[in-house]
C-alpha atoms as a PDB file:
ATOM      1  CA  MET A   1      -1.247  15.287  14.653  1.00  0.00           C
ATOM      2  CA  LYS A   2       1.753  13.259  15.699  1.00  0.00           C
ATOM      3  CA  ARG A   3       2.277  10.091  13.718  1.00  0.00           C
ATOM      4  CA  ASN A   4       3.103   6.742  15.226  1.00  0.00           C
ATOM      5  CA  SER A   5       6.290   5.223  13.799  1.00  0.00           C
ATOM      6  CA  SER A   6       4.943   1.668  14.008  1.00  0.00           C
ATOM      7  CA  ILE A   7       1.982   2.677  11.837  1.00  0.00           C
ATOM      8  CA  GLU A   8       4.366   4.297   9.377  1.00  0.00           C
ATOM      9  CA  LEU A   9       6.399   1.066   9.335  1.00  0.00           C
ATOM     10  CA  ALA A  10       3.208  -0.862   8.539  1.00  0.00           C
ATOM     11  CA  ARG A  11       2.555   1.543   5.670  1.00  0.00           C
ATOM     12  CA  ILE A  12       6.072   1.034   4.291  1.00  0.00           C
ATOM     13  CA  MET A  13       5.722  -2.747   4.578  1.00  0.00           C
ATOM     14  CA  SER A  14       2.394  -2.620   2.763  1.00  0.00           C
ATOM     15  CA  ILE A  15       4.051  -0.672  -0.060  1.00  0.00           C
ATOM     16  CA  ALA A  16       6.743  -3.373  -0.259  1.00  0.00           C
ATOM     17  CA  PHE A  17       4.041  -6.071  -0.400  1.00  0.00           C
ATOM     18  CA  ILE A  18       2.301  -4.275  -3.243  1.00  0.00           C
ATOM     19  CA  LEU A  19       5.559  -3.909  -5.148  1.00  0.00           C
ATOM     20  CA  LEU A  20       6.357  -7.616  -4.709  1.00  0.00           C
ATOM     21  CA  SER A  21       2.909  -8.508  -5.946  1.00  0.00           C
ATOM     22  CA  HIS A  22       3.216  -6.338  -9.031  1.00  0.00           C
ATOM     23  CA  PHE A  23       6.723  -7.555  -9.735  1.00  0.00           C
ATOM     24  CA  SER A  24       5.710 -11.214  -9.516  1.00  0.00           C
ATOM     25  CA  LEU A  25       2.639 -10.634 -11.674  1.00  0.00           C
ATOM     26  CA  TRP A  26       4.043  -8.425 -14.422  1.00  0.00           C
ATOM     27  CA  SER A  27       7.697  -9.443 -14.620  1.00  0.00           C
ATOM     28  CA  ASN A  28       9.178 -11.990 -16.991  1.00  0.00           C
ATOM     29  CA  TRP A  29      10.103 -14.587 -14.403  1.00  0.00           C
ATOM     30  CA  ASP A  30      10.546 -17.923 -16.166  1.00  0.00           C
ATOM     31  CA  LEU A  31       9.488 -20.389 -13.498  1.00  0.00           C
ATOM     32  CA  SER A  32       9.042 -23.427 -15.719  1.00  0.00           C
ATOM     33  CA  HIS A  33      12.394 -24.920 -14.725  1.00  0.00           C
ATOM     34  CA  GLN A  34      12.334 -23.783 -11.077  1.00  0.00           C
ATOM     35  CA  GLY A  35       9.945 -26.383  -9.707  1.00  0.00           C
ATOM     36  CA  PHE A  36       6.665 -26.256  -7.887  1.00  0.00           C
ATOM     37  CA  LEU A  37       8.043 -24.869  -4.612  1.00  0.00           C
ATOM     38  CA  ASN A  38       9.541 -21.749  -6.177  1.00  0.00           C
ATOM     39  CA  TYR A  39       6.442 -21.252  -8.321  1.00  0.00           C
ATOM     40  CA  GLY A  40       4.248 -21.502  -5.224  1.00  0.00           C
ATOM     41  CA  LEU A  41       6.407 -19.071  -3.278  1.00  0.00           C
ATOM     42  CA  THR A  42       6.265 -16.613  -6.153  1.00  0.00           C
ATOM     43  CA  MET A  43       2.493 -16.874  -6.484  1.00  0.00           C
ATOM     44  CA  ILE A  44       1.976 -16.275  -2.772  1.00  0.00           C
ATOM     45  CA  TYR A  45       2.924 -12.654  -3.422  1.00  0.00           C
ATOM     46  CA  GLN A  46      -0.456 -12.103  -5.101  1.00  0.00           C
ATOM     47  CA  PRO A  47      -2.649 -12.276  -1.960  1.00  0.00           C
ATOM     48  CA  ILE A  48       0.060 -10.546   0.087  1.00  0.00           C
ATOM     49  CA  GLY A  49      -0.133  -7.643  -2.380  1.00  0.00           C
ATOM     50  CA  LYS A  50      -3.903  -7.423  -1.981  1.00  0.00           C
ATOM     51  CA  PHE A  51      -3.500  -7.415   1.798  1.00  0.00           C
ATOM     52  CA  GLY A  52      -0.872  -4.671   1.481  1.00  0.00           C
ATOM     53  CA  ALA A  53      -3.247  -2.573  -0.615  1.00  0.00           C
ATOM     54  CA  TYR A  54      -6.015  -2.898   1.977  1.00  0.00           C
ATOM     55  CA  VAL A  55      -3.671  -1.952   4.822  1.00  0.00           C
ATOM     56  CA  PHE A  56      -2.245   1.005   2.892  1.00  0.00           C
ATOM     57  CA  VAL A  57      -5.698   2.414   2.096  1.00  0.00           C
ATOM     58  CA  LEU A  58      -6.833   1.870   5.684  1.00  0.00           C
ATOM     59  CA  ILE A  59      -3.846   3.699   7.175  1.00  0.00           C
ATOM     60  CA  THR A  60      -3.991   6.531   4.649  1.00  0.00           C
ATOM     61  CA  SER A  61      -7.698   7.090   5.162  1.00  0.00           C
ATOM     62  CA  TYR A  62      -7.247   6.978   8.949  1.00  0.00           C
ATOM     63  CA  PHE A  63      -4.692   9.781   8.830  1.00  0.00           C
ATOM     64  CA  SER A  64      -6.794  11.727   6.333  1.00  0.00           C
ATOM     65  CA  LEU A  65      -9.901  11.563   8.508  1.00  0.00           C
ATOM     66  CA  LYS A  66      -8.095  12.482  11.717  1.00  0.00           C
ATOM     67  CA  LYS A  67      -7.159  15.914  10.378  1.00  0.00           C
ATOM     68  CA  ASP A  68      -9.195  18.805  11.692  1.00  0.00           C
ATOM     69  CA  ILE A  69     -10.515  20.412   8.546  1.00  0.00           C
ATOM     70  CA  ASP A  70     -12.469  23.651   8.648  1.00  0.00           C
ATOM     71  CA  PRO A  71     -14.787  23.657   5.592  1.00  0.00           C
ATOM     72  CA  MET A  72     -14.874  27.455   5.343  1.00  0.00           C
ATOM     73  CA  ASN A  73     -11.089  27.745   5.469  1.00  0.00           C
ATOM     74  CA  TYR A  74     -10.823  25.015   2.820  1.00  0.00           C
ATOM     75  CA  GLU A  75     -13.217  26.886   0.520  1.00  0.00           C
ATOM     76  CA  LYS A  76     -11.284  30.113   0.931  1.00  0.00           C
ATOM     77  CA  LYS A  77      -8.059  28.353  -0.054  1.00  0.00           C
ATOM     78  CA  GLN A  78      -9.695  26.806  -3.094  1.00  0.00           C
ATOM     79  CA  LEU A  79     -11.164  30.092  -4.266  1.00  0.00           C
ATOM     80  CA  LYS A  80      -7.766  31.824  -4.056  1.00  0.00           C
ATOM     81  CA  HIS A  81      -6.315  29.526  -6.710  1.00  0.00           C
END
């Protein structure tokens, strides 16, 4: 199955959103002296990260389900190992 590069770009962007979300949540950013605007911009990464996770799972499951899988061939491969 040929992959669409725009869908792959959306997957890469969703990974970046997730990383930003995790970095803003778990890093040691001291925002007490930065002001409300910078604090608000930093906290907006949280819902963007959730959105990125949903998009990533959606794209990954789409490509996983589009594969033509033969159950008998799959079983034979599993039994060989």
